[in-house]
């Protein structure tokens, strides 16, 4: 990691879901930031306004106020603009999903996080970039156990509660979460549920997968060995740590681990959870480590 002096010109972009989730924390963070730096505040109402605010930041250092999805959205936008090398980010975590923020070392709490934005240092962190130009900041897991089935309807970028999100979408997602929380055996095969006139297919719980996992061209596990889980985490000695847990028969099988720069997973259709987003199904995906690929302001 390298340290870079923080700019005192801030662009504070506040996610609309954060404003609705905890308006008081948003207000406190805005007051602390405004008292300590020259601050321009943006209140986007949707993905396009969010993207425009970042694109028009000028010389200001962007600070996003929101949850893990907000941070991932900002990094993804800067990656697509090819600006990650020259533009660091800061985060004030507000929302229901903050596990990634905690893992990265961002203080949880409006005052502490805002003070870290003002007094902290930018640290260069590793990330994974996949062959569809997606980014992973924390970790990815196959299969995405306990994750709701993603529903793509344009509102996903700013959350199901975003302005303009359809009522049937929120109903479907609520139904998916309810079914996912039931004990094993309640639903088997594929469950079909009707909500607001639409039929939603819910996949059965994940079972053993047959996947080929290659790290820097070396096969760590092949299709003849069923696996329970595969996880990939960036930031391990300039590479990514890959862990494969084979299906155990009798005695507990030891995890297979390897560190490398390029990870390819292929096989039958699979979904994966990267940070807070479930993607797929895909038959093959390759992730490449970008060492020091993005900057985040953290406590000094």
C-alpha atoms as a PDB file:
ATOM      1  CA  UNK A   1       0.000   0.000   0.000  1.00  0.00           C
ATOM      2  CA  UNK A   2       1.127   3.573  -0.701  1.00  0.00           C
ATOM      3  CA  UNK A   3      -0.179   6.731   0.930  1.00  0.00           C
ATOM      4  CA  UNK A   4      -1.337   9.837  -0.947  1.00  0.00           C
ATOM      5  CA  UNK A   5      -2.243  13.214   0.559  1.00  0.00           C
ATOM      6  CA  UNK A   6      -6.014  13.761   0.636  1.00  0.00           C
ATOM      7  CA  UNK A   7      -7.562  16.672  -1.256  1.00  0.00           C
ATOM      8  CA  UNK A   8      -9.574  19.219   0.737  1.00  0.00           C
ATOM      9  CA  UNK A   9     -12.033  19.720  -2.141  1.00  0.00           C
ATOM     10  CA  UNK A  10     -14.862  17.224  -1.706  1.00  0.00           C
ATOM     11  CA  UNK A  11     -17.753  16.074  -3.866  1.00  0.00           C
ATOM     12  CA  UNK A  12     -20.229  14.356  -1.514  1.00  0.00           C
ATOM     13  CA  UNK A  13     -22.610  12.053  -3.411  1.00  0.00           C
ATOM     14  CA  UNK A  14     -25.431  10.801  -1.168  1.00  0.00           C
ATOM     15  CA  UNK A  15     -27.248   7.644  -2.215  1.00  0.00           C
ATOM     16  CA  UNK A  16     -31.063   8.005  -2.070  1.00  0.00           C
ATOM     17  CA  UNK A  17     -31.440   4.677  -0.247  1.00  0.00           C
ATOM     18  CA  UNK A  18     -29.085   5.958   2.476  1.00  0.00           C
ATOM     19  CA  UNK A  19     -31.191   9.104   2.848  1.00  0.00           C
ATOM     20  CA  UNK A  20     -34.288   7.018   3.422  1.00  0.00           C
ATOM     21  CA  UNK A  21     -32.556   4.410   5.595  1.00  0.00           C
ATOM     22  CA  UNK A  22     -30.951   6.799   8.095  1.00  0.00           C
ATOM     23  CA  UNK A  23     -31.466  10.468   7.302  1.00  0.00           C
ATOM     24  CA  UNK A  24     -30.002  11.551  10.648  1.00  0.00           C
ATOM     25  CA  UNK A  25     -26.662   9.850  10.009  1.00  0.00           C
ATOM     26  CA  UNK A  26     -26.577  11.382   6.530  1.00  0.00           C
ATOM     27  CA  UNK A  27     -27.192  14.850   8.001  1.00  0.00           C
ATOM     28  CA  UNK A  28     -24.472  14.401  10.632  1.00  0.00           C
ATOM     29  CA  UNK A  29     -21.937  13.202   8.054  1.00  0.00           C
ATOM     30  CA  UNK A  30     -22.745  16.114   5.745  1.00  0.00           C
ATOM     31  CA  UNK A  31     -22.330  18.624   8.597  1.00  0.00           C
ATOM     32  CA  UNK A  32     -18.958  17.176   9.688  1.00  0.00           C
ATOM     33  CA  UNK A  33     -17.621  17.131   6.124  1.00  0.00           C
ATOM     34  CA  UNK A  34     -18.864  20.640   5.344  1.00  0.00           C
ATOM     35  CA  UNK A  35     -17.250  21.995   8.523  1.00  0.00           C
ATOM     36  CA  UNK A  36     -13.873  20.507   7.623  1.00  0.00           C
ATOM     37  CA  UNK A  37     -13.542  21.030   3.879  1.00  0.00           C
ATOM     38  CA  UNK A  38     -14.876  22.872   0.839  1.00  0.00           C
ATOM     39  CA  UNK A  39     -17.803  20.622   0.006  1.00  0.00           C
ATOM     40  CA  UNK A  40     -20.246  20.268  -2.870  1.00  0.00           C
ATOM     41  CA  UNK A  41     -23.204  17.982  -2.076  1.00  0.00           C
ATOM     42  CA  UNK A  42     -25.061  16.006  -4.760  1.00  0.00           C
ATOM     43  CA  UNK A  43     -28.375  14.203  -4.167  1.00  0.00           C
ATOM     44  CA  UNK A  44     -28.846  11.901  -7.169  1.00  0.00           C
ATOM     45  CA  UNK A  45     -32.228  10.227  -7.563  1.00  0.00           C
ATOM     46  CA  UNK A  46     -31.158   7.398  -9.858  1.00  0.00           C
ATOM     47  CA  UNK A  47     -28.217   5.619 -11.519  1.00  0.00           C
ATOM     48  CA  UNK A  48     -27.857   8.136 -14.363  1.00  0.00           C
ATOM     49  CA  UNK A  49     -27.667  11.124 -11.997  1.00  0.00           C
ATOM     50  CA  UNK A  50     -25.200   9.216  -9.808  1.00  0.00           C
ATOM     51  CA  UNK A  51     -22.967   8.557 -12.826  1.00  0.00           C
ATOM     52  CA  UNK A  52     -23.189  12.172 -14.018  1.00  0.00           C
ATOM     53  CA  UNK A  53     -22.219  13.494 -10.590  1.00  0.00           C
ATOM     54  CA  UNK A  54     -19.045  11.376 -10.559  1.00  0.00           C
ATOM     55  CA  UNK A  55     -18.202  12.242 -14.157  1.00  0.00           C
ATOM     56  CA  UNK A  56     -18.462  15.973 -13.425  1.00  0.00           C
ATOM     57  CA  UNK A  57     -16.409  15.892 -10.220  1.00  0.00           C
ATOM     58  CA  UNK A  58     -13.618  18.032 -11.670  1.00  0.00           C
ATOM     59  CA  UNK A  59     -10.740  18.332  -9.204  1.00  0.00           C
ATOM     60  CA  UNK A  60     -12.900  17.397  -6.222  1.00  0.00           C
ATOM     61  CA  UNK A  61     -12.315  14.146  -4.354  1.00  0.00           C
ATOM     62  CA  UNK A  62     -15.513  12.047  -4.428  1.00  0.00           C
ATOM     63  CA  UNK A  63     -17.042  10.921  -1.142  1.00  0.00           C
ATOM     64  CA  UNK A  64     -19.964   8.504  -1.394  1.00  0.00           C
ATOM     65  CA  UNK A  65     -22.485   8.195   1.412  1.00  0.00           C
ATOM     66  CA  UNK A  66     -24.237   4.841   1.300  1.00  0.00           C
ATOM     67  CA  UNK A  67     -23.766   1.108   1.770  1.00  0.00           C
ATOM     68  CA  UNK A  68     -21.576  -1.530   0.147  1.00  0.00           C
ATOM     69  CA  UNK A  69     -23.551  -1.374  -3.108  1.00  0.00           C
ATOM     70  CA  UNK A  70     -22.987   2.389  -3.295  1.00  0.00           C
ATOM     71  CA  UNK A  71     -19.227   1.932  -2.979  1.00  0.00           C
ATOM     72  CA  UNK A  72     -19.200  -0.864  -5.550  1.00  0.00           C
ATOM     73  CA  UNK A  73     -21.277   1.253  -7.949  1.00  0.00           C
ATOM     74  CA  UNK A  74     -18.851   4.168  -7.644  1.00  0.00           C
ATOM     75  CA  UNK A  75     -15.765   1.996  -8.185  1.00  0.00           C
ATOM     76  CA  UNK A  76     -17.423   0.280 -11.155  1.00  0.00           C
ATOM     77  CA  UNK A  77     -18.248   3.626 -12.777  1.00  0.00           C
ATOM     78  CA  UNK A  78     -14.709   4.952 -12.320  1.00  0.00           C
ATOM     79  CA  UNK A  79     -13.329   1.663 -13.665  1.00  0.00           C
ATOM     80  CA  UNK A  80     -15.457   1.933 -16.814  1.00  0.00           C
ATOM     81  CA  UNK A  81     -14.270   5.533 -17.219  1.00  0.00           C
ATOM     82  CA  UNK A  82     -10.667   4.289 -16.728  1.00  0.00           C
ATOM     83  CA  UNK A  83     -10.224   6.828 -13.913  1.00  0.00           C
ATOM     84  CA  UNK A  84      -9.417   4.532 -10.979  1.00  0.00           C
ATOM     85  CA  UNK A  85      -5.684   5.182 -11.302  1.00  0.00           C
ATOM     86  CA  UNK A  86      -6.098   8.943 -10.845  1.00  0.00           C
ATOM     87  CA  UNK A  87      -9.215   9.223  -8.678  1.00  0.00           C
ATOM     88  CA  UNK A  88      -9.425   7.907  -5.130  1.00  0.00           C
ATOM     89  CA  UNK A  89     -12.678   7.470  -3.234  1.00  0.00           C
ATOM     90  CA  UNK A  90     -13.894   7.929   0.308  1.00  0.00           C
ATOM     91  CA  UNK A  91     -16.924   6.306   1.938  1.00  0.00           C
ATOM     92  CA  UNK A  92     -19.266   7.190   4.772  1.00  0.00           C
ATOM     93  CA  UNK A  93     -21.133   3.919   5.395  1.00  0.00           C
ATOM     94  CA  UNK A  94     -24.890   4.355   5.834  1.00  0.00           C
ATOM     95  CA  UNK A  95     -27.285   1.504   5.107  1.00  0.00           C
ATOM     96  CA  UNK A  96     -28.159  -2.070   5.908  1.00  0.00           C
ATOM     97  CA  UNK A  97     -25.303  -3.798   4.053  1.00  0.00           C
ATOM     98  CA  UNK A  98     -21.934  -2.707   5.477  1.00  0.00           C
ATOM     99  CA  UNK A  99     -19.903  -5.924   5.690  1.00  0.00           C
ATOM    100  CA  UNK A 100     -17.595  -4.899   2.832  1.00  0.00           C
ATOM    101  CA  UNK A 101     -16.991  -1.484   4.411  1.00  0.00           C
ATOM    102  CA  UNK A 102     -16.018  -3.149   7.693  1.00  0.00           C
ATOM    103  CA  UNK A 103     -13.713  -5.608   5.944  1.00  0.00           C
ATOM    104  CA  UNK A 104     -11.938  -2.773   4.143  1.00  0.00           C
ATOM    105  CA  UNK A 105     -11.342  -0.903   7.417  1.00  0.00           C
ATOM    106  CA  UNK A 106     -13.809   1.969   6.968  1.00  0.00           C
ATOM    107  CA  UNK A 107     -15.128   3.201  10.345  1.00  0.00           C
ATOM    108  CA  UNK A 108     -18.793   2.427  10.953  1.00  0.00           C
ATOM    109  CA  UNK A 109     -20.544   5.493  12.345  1.00  0.00           C
ATOM    110  CA  UNK A 110     -21.249   8.847  10.727  1.00  0.00           C
ATOM    111  CA  UNK A 111     -18.882  10.977  12.797  1.00  0.00           C
ATOM    112  CA  UNK A 112     -15.940   8.538  12.797  1.00  0.00           C
ATOM    113  CA  UNK A 113     -16.276   7.866   9.079  1.00  0.00           C
ATOM    114  CA  UNK A 114     -16.545  11.565   8.195  1.00  0.00           C
ATOM    115  CA  UNK A 115     -13.500  12.371  10.328  1.00  0.00           C
ATOM    116  CA  UNK A 116     -11.577   9.596   8.537  1.00  0.00           C
ATOM    117  CA  UNK A 117     -12.504  11.209   5.194  1.00  0.00           C
ATOM    118  CA  UNK A 118     -11.036  14.513   6.392  1.00  0.00           C
ATOM    119  CA  UNK A 119      -7.992  13.249   8.314  1.00  0.00           C
ATOM    120  CA  UNK A 120      -7.220   9.891   6.718  1.00  0.00           C
ATOM    121  CA  UNK A 121      -4.925   8.899   3.882  1.00  0.00           C
ATOM    122  CA  UNK A 122      -5.629   7.323   0.537  1.00  0.00           C
ATOM    123  CA  UNK A 123      -4.450   3.741   0.356  1.00  0.00           C
ATOM    124  CA  UNK A 124      -4.091   1.803  -2.854  1.00  0.00           C
ATOM    125  CA  UNK A 125      -5.934  -1.526  -2.683  1.00  0.00           C
ATOM    126  CA  UNK A 126      -6.040  -4.543  -4.964  1.00  0.00           C
ATOM    127  CA  UNK A 127      -9.159  -5.504  -6.882  1.00  0.00           C
ATOM    128  CA  UNK A 128     -10.292  -8.200  -9.280  1.00  0.00           C
ATOM    129  CA  UNK A 129     -11.464  -7.386 -12.802  1.00  0.00           C
ATOM    130  CA  UNK A 130     -13.407 -10.050 -14.677  1.00  0.00           C
ATOM    131  CA  UNK A 131     -13.662 -10.735 -18.398  1.00  0.00           C
ATOM    132  CA  UNK A 132     -16.981  -8.867 -18.593  1.00  0.00           C
ATOM    133  CA  UNK A 133     -15.315  -5.724 -17.125  1.00  0.00           C
ATOM    134  CA  UNK A 134     -16.902  -6.200 -13.700  1.00  0.00           C
ATOM    135  CA  UNK A 135     -14.945  -5.462 -10.521  1.00  0.00           C
ATOM    136  CA  UNK A 136     -14.641  -7.219  -7.164  1.00  0.00           C
ATOM    137  CA  UNK A 137     -13.433  -5.267  -4.129  1.00  0.00           C
ATOM    138  CA  UNK A 138     -13.760  -7.777  -1.315  1.00  0.00           C
ATOM    139  CA  UNK A 139     -14.333 -11.433  -2.115  1.00  0.00           C
ATOM    140  CA  UNK A 140     -16.346 -13.676  -4.391  1.00  0.00           C
ATOM    141  CA  UNK A 141     -17.953 -16.993  -3.611  1.00  0.00           C
ATOM    142  CA  UNK A 142     -19.373 -19.868  -5.622  1.00  0.00           C
ATOM    143  CA  UNK A 143     -22.159 -20.799  -5.052  1.00  0.00           C
ATOM    144  CA  UNK A 144     -23.772 -17.692  -3.498  1.00  0.00           C
ATOM    145  CA  UNK A 145     -25.372 -19.482  -0.530  1.00  0.00           C
ATOM    146  CA  UNK A 146     -28.052 -17.491   1.250  1.00  0.00           C
ATOM    147  CA  UNK A 147     -28.200 -14.822  -1.445  1.00  0.00           C
ATOM    148  CA  UNK A 148     -31.476 -13.614  -2.925  1.00  0.00           C
ATOM    149  CA  UNK A 149     -31.997 -14.259  -6.620  1.00  0.00           C
ATOM    150  CA  UNK A 150     -31.123 -11.038  -8.482  1.00  0.00           C
ATOM    151  CA  UNK A 151     -34.017  -9.365 -10.297  1.00  0.00           C
ATOM    152  CA  UNK A 152     -32.925  -7.135 -13.161  1.00  0.00           C
ATOM    153  CA  UNK A 153     -35.469  -4.418 -13.905  1.00  0.00           C
ATOM    154  CA  UNK A 154     -33.441  -1.239 -14.125  1.00  0.00           C
ATOM    155  CA  UNK A 155     -34.075  -0.396 -10.473  1.00  0.00           C
ATOM    156  CA  UNK A 156     -31.401  -2.805  -9.245  1.00  0.00           C
ATOM    157  CA  UNK A 157     -28.616  -0.249  -9.644  1.00  0.00           C
ATOM    158  CA  UNK A 158     -30.023   1.971  -6.886  1.00  0.00           C
ATOM    159  CA  UNK A 159     -31.797  -0.739  -4.877  1.00  0.00           C
ATOM    160  CA  UNK A 160     -35.327  -2.135  -5.020  1.00  0.00           C
ATOM    161  CA  UNK A 161     -36.596   0.880  -3.088  1.00  0.00           C
ATOM    162  CA  UNK A 162     -35.231   3.361  -5.597  1.00  0.00           C
ATOM    163  CA  UNK A 163     -37.614   5.974  -6.978  1.00  0.00           C
ATOM    164  CA  UNK A 164     -39.539   4.423  -9.848  1.00  0.00           C
ATOM    165  CA  UNK A 165     -39.002   0.845  -8.675  1.00  0.00           C
ATOM    166  CA  UNK A 166     -42.096  -1.193  -9.416  1.00  0.00           C
ATOM    167  CA  UNK A 167     -44.205  -2.459  -6.475  1.00  0.00           C
ATOM    168  CA  UNK A 168     -44.202  -5.960  -7.979  1.00  0.00           C
ATOM    169  CA  UNK A 169     -40.369  -5.968  -7.838  1.00  0.00           C
ATOM    170  CA  UNK A 170     -40.328  -5.286  -4.111  1.00  0.00           C
ATOM    171  CA  UNK A 171     -43.003  -7.970  -3.618  1.00  0.00           C
ATOM    172  CA  UNK A 172     -40.993 -10.544  -5.579  1.00  0.00           C
ATOM    173  CA  UNK A 173     -37.780  -9.783  -3.706  1.00  0.00           C
ATOM    174  CA  UNK A 174     -39.593 -10.023  -0.373  1.00  0.00           C
ATOM    175  CA  UNK A 175     -41.023 -13.403  -1.418  1.00  0.00           C
ATOM    176  CA  UNK A 176     -37.564 -14.642  -2.467  1.00  0.00           C
ATOM    177  CA  UNK A 177     -36.062 -13.621   0.875  1.00  0.00           C
ATOM    178  CA  UNK A 178     -38.890 -15.337   2.748  1.00  0.00           C
ATOM    179  CA  UNK A 179     -38.465 -18.609   0.854  1.00  0.00           C
ATOM    180  CA  UNK A 180     -34.667 -18.468   1.164  1.00  0.00           C
ATOM    181  CA  UNK A 181     -35.007 -18.220   4.944  1.00  0.00           C
ATOM    182  CA  UNK A 182     -37.082 -21.429   5.219  1.00  0.00           C
ATOM    183  CA  UNK A 183     -35.390 -24.594   6.491  1.00  0.00           C
ATOM    184  CA  UNK A 184     -34.046 -27.038   3.945  1.00  0.00           C
ATOM    185  CA  UNK A 185     -36.703 -29.336   2.630  1.00  0.00           C
ATOM    186  CA  UNK A 186     -39.530 -26.796   2.618  1.00  0.00           C
ATOM    187  CA  UNK A 187     -39.094 -26.266  -1.114  1.00  0.00           C
ATOM    188  CA  UNK A 188     -37.445 -28.609  -3.576  1.00  0.00           C
ATOM    189  CA  UNK A 189     -36.681 -28.443  -7.278  1.00  0.00           C
ATOM    190  CA  UNK A 190     -37.748 -25.113  -8.737  1.00  0.00           C
ATOM    191  CA  UNK A 191     -40.470 -23.103  -7.014  1.00  0.00           C
ATOM    192  CA  UNK A 192     -42.780 -20.905  -9.028  1.00  0.00           C
ATOM    193  CA  UNK A 193     -44.421 -17.966  -7.294  1.00  0.00           C
ATOM    194  CA  UNK A 194     -46.866 -15.435  -8.669  1.00  0.00           C
ATOM    195  CA  UNK A 195     -46.584 -11.794  -7.602  1.00  0.00           C
ATOM    196  CA  UNK A 196     -48.454  -8.895  -9.146  1.00  0.00           C
ATOM    197  CA  UNK A 197     -49.337 -10.973 -12.193  1.00  0.00           C
ATOM    198  CA  UNK A 198     -45.777 -12.138 -12.863  1.00  0.00           C
ATOM    199  CA  UNK A 199     -44.374 -15.631 -12.391  1.00  0.00           C
ATOM    200  CA  UNK A 200     -40.975 -15.832 -10.725  1.00  0.00           C
ATOM    201  CA  UNK A 201     -38.846 -18.996 -10.857  1.00  0.00           C
ATOM    202  CA  UNK A 202     -36.765 -19.590  -7.769  1.00  0.00           C
ATOM    203  CA  UNK A 203     -33.836 -22.033  -8.036  1.00  0.00           C
ATOM    204  CA  UNK A 204     -33.402 -24.816  -5.537  1.00  0.00           C
ATOM    205  CA  UNK A 205     -30.708 -24.547  -2.917  1.00  0.00           C
ATOM    206  CA  UNK A 206     -27.157 -25.070  -4.221  1.00  0.00           C
ATOM    207  CA  UNK A 207     -25.627 -28.532  -4.121  1.00  0.00           C
ATOM    208  CA  UNK A 208     -22.168 -29.865  -5.028  1.00  0.00           C
ATOM    209  CA  UNK A 209     -20.759 -28.342  -8.208  1.00  0.00           C
ATOM    210  CA  UNK A 210     -18.420 -29.771 -10.813  1.00  0.00           C
ATOM    211  CA  UNK A 211     -16.122 -26.945 -11.768  1.00  0.00           C
ATOM    212  CA  UNK A 212     -12.659 -26.549 -13.200  1.00  0.00           C
ATOM    213  CA  UNK A 213     -10.647 -23.964 -11.257  1.00  0.00           C
ATOM    214  CA  UNK A 214      -7.392 -22.747 -12.816  1.00  0.00           C
ATOM    215  CA  UNK A 215      -4.906 -20.366 -11.196  1.00  0.00           C
ATOM    216  CA  UNK A 216      -2.309 -18.837 -13.504  1.00  0.00           C
ATOM    217  CA  UNK A 217      -2.927 -21.714 -15.933  1.00  0.00           C
ATOM    218  CA  UNK A 218      -2.491 -24.442 -13.307  1.00  0.00           C
ATOM    219  CA  UNK A 219      -5.556 -26.607 -12.601  1.00  0.00           C
ATOM    220  CA  UNK A 220      -6.357 -26.548  -8.894  1.00  0.00           C
ATOM    221  CA  UNK A 221      -9.444 -28.774  -9.206  1.00  0.00           C
ATOM    222  CA  UNK A 222     -11.033 -30.392 -12.251  1.00  0.00           C
ATOM    223  CA  UNK A 223     -14.513 -31.468 -13.284  1.00  0.00           C
ATOM    224  CA  UNK A 224     -14.109 -34.985 -11.875  1.00  0.00           C
ATOM    225  CA  UNK A 225     -13.964 -33.625  -8.291  1.00  0.00           C
ATOM    226  CA  UNK A 226     -17.260 -32.174  -6.972  1.00  0.00           C
ATOM    227  CA  UNK A 227     -16.751 -29.106  -4.807  1.00  0.00           C
ATOM    228  CA  UNK A 228     -18.823 -27.463  -2.098  1.00  0.00           C
ATOM    229  CA  UNK A 229     -17.496 -23.916  -2.430  1.00  0.00           C
ATOM    230  CA  UNK A 230     -14.949 -21.806  -4.276  1.00  0.00           C
ATOM    231  CA  UNK A 231     -13.802 -18.445  -2.890  1.00  0.00           C
ATOM    232  CA  UNK A 232     -11.435 -15.856  -4.333  1.00  0.00           C
ATOM    233  CA  UNK A 233     -10.081 -12.939  -2.283  1.00  0.00           C
ATOM    234  CA  UNK A 234      -7.833 -10.161  -3.680  1.00  0.00           C
ATOM    235  CA  UNK A 235      -4.990  -8.494  -1.831  1.00  0.00           C
ATOM    236  CA  UNK A 236      -2.861 -11.463  -0.746  1.00  0.00           C
ATOM    237  CA  UNK A 237       0.831 -10.619  -1.389  1.00  0.00           C
ATOM    238  CA  UNK A 238      -0.113  -8.860  -4.610  1.00  0.00           C
ATOM    239  CA  UNK A 239      -2.247 -11.762  -5.787  1.00  0.00           C
ATOM    240  CA  UNK A 240      -5.573 -13.407  -5.079  1.00  0.00           C
ATOM    241  CA  UNK A 241      -6.035 -16.288  -2.655  1.00  0.00           C
ATOM    242  CA  UNK A 242      -8.167 -19.076  -4.094  1.00  0.00           C
ATOM    243  CA  UNK A 243      -9.722 -21.643  -1.775  1.00  0.00           C
ATOM    244  CA  UNK A 244     -11.616 -24.694  -3.008  1.00  0.00           C
ATOM    245  CA  UNK A 245     -13.473 -26.942  -0.576  1.00  0.00           C
ATOM    246  CA  UNK A 246     -13.998 -30.386  -2.121  1.00  0.00           C
ATOM    247  CA  UNK A 247     -17.027 -32.447  -1.197  1.00  0.00           C
ATOM    248  CA  UNK A 248     -16.002 -34.666   1.711  1.00  0.00           C
ATOM    249  CA  UNK A 249     -16.737 -38.381   1.638  1.00  0.00           C
ATOM    250  CA  UNK A 250     -16.268 -39.857   5.086  1.00  0.00           C
ATOM    251  CA  UNK A 251     -13.287 -37.937   6.494  1.00  0.00           C
ATOM    252  CA  UNK A 252     -13.294 -34.166   6.184  1.00  0.00           C
ATOM    253  CA  UNK A 253     -11.572 -33.107   2.948  1.00  0.00           C
ATOM    254  CA  UNK A 254      -8.859 -30.487   3.333  1.00  0.00           C
ATOM    255  CA  UNK A 255      -9.345 -27.199   1.463  1.00  0.00           C
ATOM    256  CA  UNK A 256      -7.182 -26.639  -1.616  1.00  0.00           C
ATOM    257  CA  UNK A 257      -5.472 -23.237  -1.648  1.00  0.00           C
ATOM    258  CA  UNK A 258      -3.393 -21.331  -4.166  1.00  0.00           C
ATOM    259  CA  UNK A 259      -2.334 -17.720  -4.764  1.00  0.00           C
ATOM    260  CA  UNK A 260      -2.130 -16.256  -8.257  1.00  0.00           C
ATOM    261  CA  UNK A 261      -2.815 -13.344 -10.571  1.00  0.00           C
ATOM    262  CA  UNK A 262      -5.413 -14.903 -12.868  1.00  0.00           C
ATOM    263  CA  UNK A 263      -8.267 -17.199 -11.861  1.00  0.00           C
ATOM    264  CA  UNK A 264     -10.582 -18.999 -14.290  1.00  0.00           C
ATOM    265  CA  UNK A 265     -13.643 -20.992 -13.220  1.00  0.00           C
ATOM    266  CA  UNK A 266     -15.547 -23.058 -15.784  1.00  0.00           C
ATOM    267  CA  UNK A 267     -18.046 -25.894 -15.925  1.00  0.00           C
ATOM    268  CA  UNK A 268     -21.805 -26.228 -15.667  1.00  0.00           C
ATOM    269  CA  UNK A 269     -23.847 -23.037 -15.276  1.00  0.00           C
ATOM    270  CA  UNK A 270     -22.988 -21.380 -11.967  1.00  0.00           C
ATOM    271  CA  UNK A 271     -23.819 -18.214 -10.077  1.00  0.00           C
ATOM    272  CA  UNK A 272     -21.380 -16.303  -7.905  1.00  0.00           C
ATOM    273  CA  UNK A 273     -21.616 -13.596  -5.285  1.00  0.00           C
ATOM    274  CA  UNK A 274     -19.061 -10.802  -5.670  1.00  0.00           C
ATOM    275  CA  UNK A 275     -19.206  -8.298  -2.803  1.00  0.00           C
ATOM    276  CA  UNK A 276     -22.959  -7.671  -2.416  1.00  0.00           C
ATOM    277  CA  UNK A 277     -24.072  -8.663  -5.931  1.00  0.00           C
ATOM    278  CA  UNK A 278     -25.108 -12.080  -7.254  1.00  0.00           C
ATOM    279  CA  UNK A 279     -24.213 -12.636 -10.918  1.00  0.00           C
ATOM    280  CA  UNK A 280     -24.765 -15.386 -13.452  1.00  0.00           C
ATOM    281  CA  UNK A 281     -25.482 -17.983 -14.479  1.00  0.00           C
ATOM    282  CA  UNK A 282     -22.295 -18.282 -16.533  1.00  0.00           C
ATOM    283  CA  UNK A 283     -20.281 -21.240 -17.794  1.00  0.00           C
ATOM    284  CA  UNK A 284     -16.875 -19.612 -17.524  1.00  0.00           C
ATOM    285  CA  UNK A 285     -15.457 -16.498 -15.924  1.00  0.00           C
ATOM    286  CA  UNK A 286     -11.921 -15.212 -15.505  1.00  0.00           C
ATOM    287  CA  UNK A 287     -10.791 -12.748 -12.843  1.00  0.00           C
ATOM    288  CA  UNK A 288      -7.463 -10.897 -13.008  1.00  0.00           C
ATOM    289  CA  UNK A 289      -5.805  -9.106 -10.089  1.00  0.00           C
ATOM    290  CA  UNK A 290      -5.107  -5.386 -10.452  1.00  0.00           C
ATOM    291  CA  UNK A 291      -2.524  -4.688  -7.776  1.00  0.00           C
ATOM    292  CA  UNK A 292      -3.116  -1.256  -6.216  1.00  0.00           C
ATOM    293  CA  UNK A 293      -5.932  -0.856  -8.712  1.00  0.00           C
ATOM    294  CA  UNK A 294      -8.076   1.571  -6.698  1.00  0.00           C
ATOM    295  CA  UNK A 295      -7.735   4.073  -3.895  1.00  0.00           C
ATOM    296  CA  UNK A 296      -9.808   4.370  -0.699  1.00  0.00           C
ATOM    297  CA  UNK A 297      -9.368   6.897   2.097  1.00  0.00           C
ATOM    298  CA  UNK A 298      -8.871   5.115   5.420  1.00  0.00           C
ATOM    299  CA  UNK A 299      -7.844   6.192   8.944  1.00  0.00           C
ATOM    300  CA  UNK A 300      -4.152   7.009   9.133  1.00  0.00           C
END
